[in-house]
């Protein structure tokens, strides 16, 4: 059996899950919460944009008030001096 390698140069992925029970919120009492998040990251190839990287962050947060968010971070170092 041959294994297929799906690696893409410069691409990485992080994922996480957080679950908490019986959180004391003060005025609103006790609550539970859970959060899922994914972070794919891509670093540019070895050319003019070799230090350019992008990081996409997606989060799903569930508690009494639900929150979903997607953030895109683009990084490019500048030599100012």
C-alpha atoms as a PDB file:
ATOM      1  CA  UNK A   1       0.000   0.000   0.000  1.00  0.00           C
ATOM      2  CA  UNK A   2       1.352   3.432  -0.967  1.00  0.00           C
ATOM      3  CA  UNK A   3       0.867   6.370   1.367  1.00  0.00           C
ATOM      4  CA  UNK A   4      -0.109   9.661  -0.207  1.00  0.00           C
ATOM      5  CA  UNK A   5       1.627  12.710   1.223  1.00  0.00           C
ATOM      6  CA  UNK A   6      -0.712  15.720   1.386  1.00  0.00           C
ATOM      7  CA  UNK A   7       1.786  18.179   2.831  1.00  0.00           C
ATOM      8  CA  UNK A   8       1.758  21.658   1.354  1.00  0.00           C
ATOM      9  CA  UNK A   9       4.984  23.647   1.842  1.00  0.00           C
ATOM     10  CA  UNK A  10       4.452  26.501   4.299  1.00  0.00           C
ATOM     11  CA  UNK A  11       0.982  25.377   5.440  1.00  0.00           C
ATOM     12  CA  UNK A  12       0.243  24.415   9.034  1.00  0.00           C
ATOM     13  CA  UNK A  13      -2.953  23.850  11.013  1.00  0.00           C
ATOM     14  CA  UNK A  14      -3.896  24.123  14.688  1.00  0.00           C
ATOM     15  CA  UNK A  15      -7.227  23.120  16.183  1.00  0.00           C
ATOM     16  CA  UNK A  16      -8.543  23.184  19.714  1.00  0.00           C
ATOM     17  CA  UNK A  17     -11.532  22.512  21.920  1.00  0.00           C
ATOM     18  CA  UNK A  18     -12.225  24.001  25.348  1.00  0.00           C
ATOM     19  CA  UNK A  19     -15.096  22.893  27.604  1.00  0.00           C
ATOM     20  CA  UNK A  20     -15.837  24.336  31.040  1.00  0.00           C
ATOM     21  CA  UNK A  21     -18.553  23.449  33.557  1.00  0.00           C
ATOM     22  CA  UNK A  22     -20.036  25.423  36.437  1.00  0.00           C
ATOM     23  CA  UNK A  23     -18.493  28.823  35.744  1.00  0.00           C
ATOM     24  CA  UNK A  24     -19.523  31.468  38.270  1.00  0.00           C
ATOM     25  CA  UNK A  25     -20.384  34.571  36.247  1.00  0.00           C
ATOM     26  CA  UNK A  26     -21.229  36.723  39.254  1.00  0.00           C
ATOM     27  CA  UNK A  27     -24.599  38.392  38.693  1.00  0.00           C
ATOM     28  CA  UNK A  28     -25.962  35.876  36.164  1.00  0.00           C
ATOM     29  CA  UNK A  29     -25.143  32.767  38.195  1.00  0.00           C
ATOM     30  CA  UNK A  30     -23.542  29.530  36.980  1.00  0.00           C
ATOM     31  CA  UNK A  31     -23.078  28.586  33.330  1.00  0.00           C
ATOM     32  CA  UNK A  32     -21.266  26.119  31.054  1.00  0.00           C
ATOM     33  CA  UNK A  33     -19.262  27.020  27.977  1.00  0.00           C
ATOM     34  CA  UNK A  34     -17.471  25.357  25.078  1.00  0.00           C
ATOM     35  CA  UNK A  35     -15.301  26.692  22.300  1.00  0.00           C
ATOM     36  CA  UNK A  36     -13.952  25.178  19.091  1.00  0.00           C
ATOM     37  CA  UNK A  37     -11.242  26.948  17.138  1.00  0.00           C
ATOM     38  CA  UNK A  38      -9.203  26.318  13.985  1.00  0.00           C
ATOM     39  CA  UNK A  39      -6.100  28.151  12.827  1.00  0.00           C
ATOM     40  CA  UNK A  40      -4.733  27.412   9.353  1.00  0.00           C
ATOM     41  CA  UNK A  41      -1.490  29.319   8.678  1.00  0.00           C
ATOM     42  CA  UNK A  42       0.375  29.778   5.422  1.00  0.00           C
ATOM     43  CA  UNK A  43       3.887  31.153   4.964  1.00  0.00           C
ATOM     44  CA  UNK A  44       4.899  32.484   1.554  1.00  0.00           C
ATOM     45  CA  UNK A  45       7.443  30.783  -0.733  1.00  0.00           C
ATOM     46  CA  UNK A  46      11.103  31.796  -0.957  1.00  0.00           C
ATOM     47  CA  UNK A  47      10.763  34.826  -3.247  1.00  0.00           C
ATOM     48  CA  UNK A  48       9.889  38.507  -2.745  1.00  0.00           C
ATOM     49  CA  UNK A  49       7.047  37.570  -0.352  1.00  0.00           C
ATOM     50  CA  UNK A  50       9.010  34.910   1.520  1.00  0.00           C
ATOM     51  CA  UNK A  51       8.338  36.501   4.912  1.00  0.00           C
ATOM     52  CA  UNK A  52       4.646  37.122   4.195  1.00  0.00           C
ATOM     53  CA  UNK A  53       2.355  34.904   6.235  1.00  0.00           C
ATOM     54  CA  UNK A  54      -1.366  34.712   6.817  1.00  0.00           C
ATOM     55  CA  UNK A  55      -3.266  33.210   9.717  1.00  0.00           C
ATOM     56  CA  UNK A  56      -7.013  32.570   9.587  1.00  0.00           C
ATOM     57  CA  UNK A  57      -8.682  32.159  12.984  1.00  0.00           C
ATOM     58  CA  UNK A  58     -12.200  30.764  13.262  1.00  0.00           C
ATOM     59  CA  UNK A  59     -13.950  30.309  16.588  1.00  0.00           C
ATOM     60  CA  UNK A  60     -17.340  28.961  17.657  1.00  0.00           C
ATOM     61  CA  UNK A  61     -18.198  29.861  21.256  1.00  0.00           C
ATOM     62  CA  UNK A  62     -21.324  28.469  22.924  1.00  0.00           C
ATOM     63  CA  UNK A  63     -22.770  29.583  26.258  1.00  0.00           C
ATOM     64  CA  UNK A  64     -25.881  31.575  27.195  1.00  0.00           C
ATOM     65  CA  UNK A  65     -24.997  34.068  24.457  1.00  0.00           C
ATOM     66  CA  UNK A  66     -23.391  32.457  21.388  1.00  0.00           C
ATOM     67  CA  UNK A  67     -20.486  34.036  19.534  1.00  0.00           C
ATOM     68  CA  UNK A  68     -18.901  33.093  16.214  1.00  0.00           C
ATOM     69  CA  UNK A  69     -15.886  34.908  14.827  1.00  0.00           C
ATOM     70  CA  UNK A  70     -13.494  34.749  11.912  1.00  0.00           C
ATOM     71  CA  UNK A  71     -10.274  36.773  11.912  1.00  0.00           C
ATOM     72  CA  UNK A  72      -7.617  37.075   9.225  1.00  0.00           C
ATOM     73  CA  UNK A  73      -4.111  38.124  10.270  1.00  0.00           C
ATOM     74  CA  UNK A  74      -1.547  39.072   7.616  1.00  0.00           C
ATOM     75  CA  UNK A  75       2.065  39.507   8.714  1.00  0.00           C
ATOM     76  CA  UNK A  76       4.928  41.040   6.770  1.00  0.00           C
ATOM     77  CA  UNK A  77       8.015  42.238   8.620  1.00  0.00           C
ATOM     78  CA  UNK A  78       9.371  45.674   7.665  1.00  0.00           C
ATOM     79  CA  UNK A  79      12.927  46.799   8.259  1.00  0.00           C
ATOM     80  CA  UNK A  80      12.519  50.483   9.139  1.00  0.00           C
ATOM     81  CA  UNK A  81      16.097  51.243  10.182  1.00  0.00           C
END
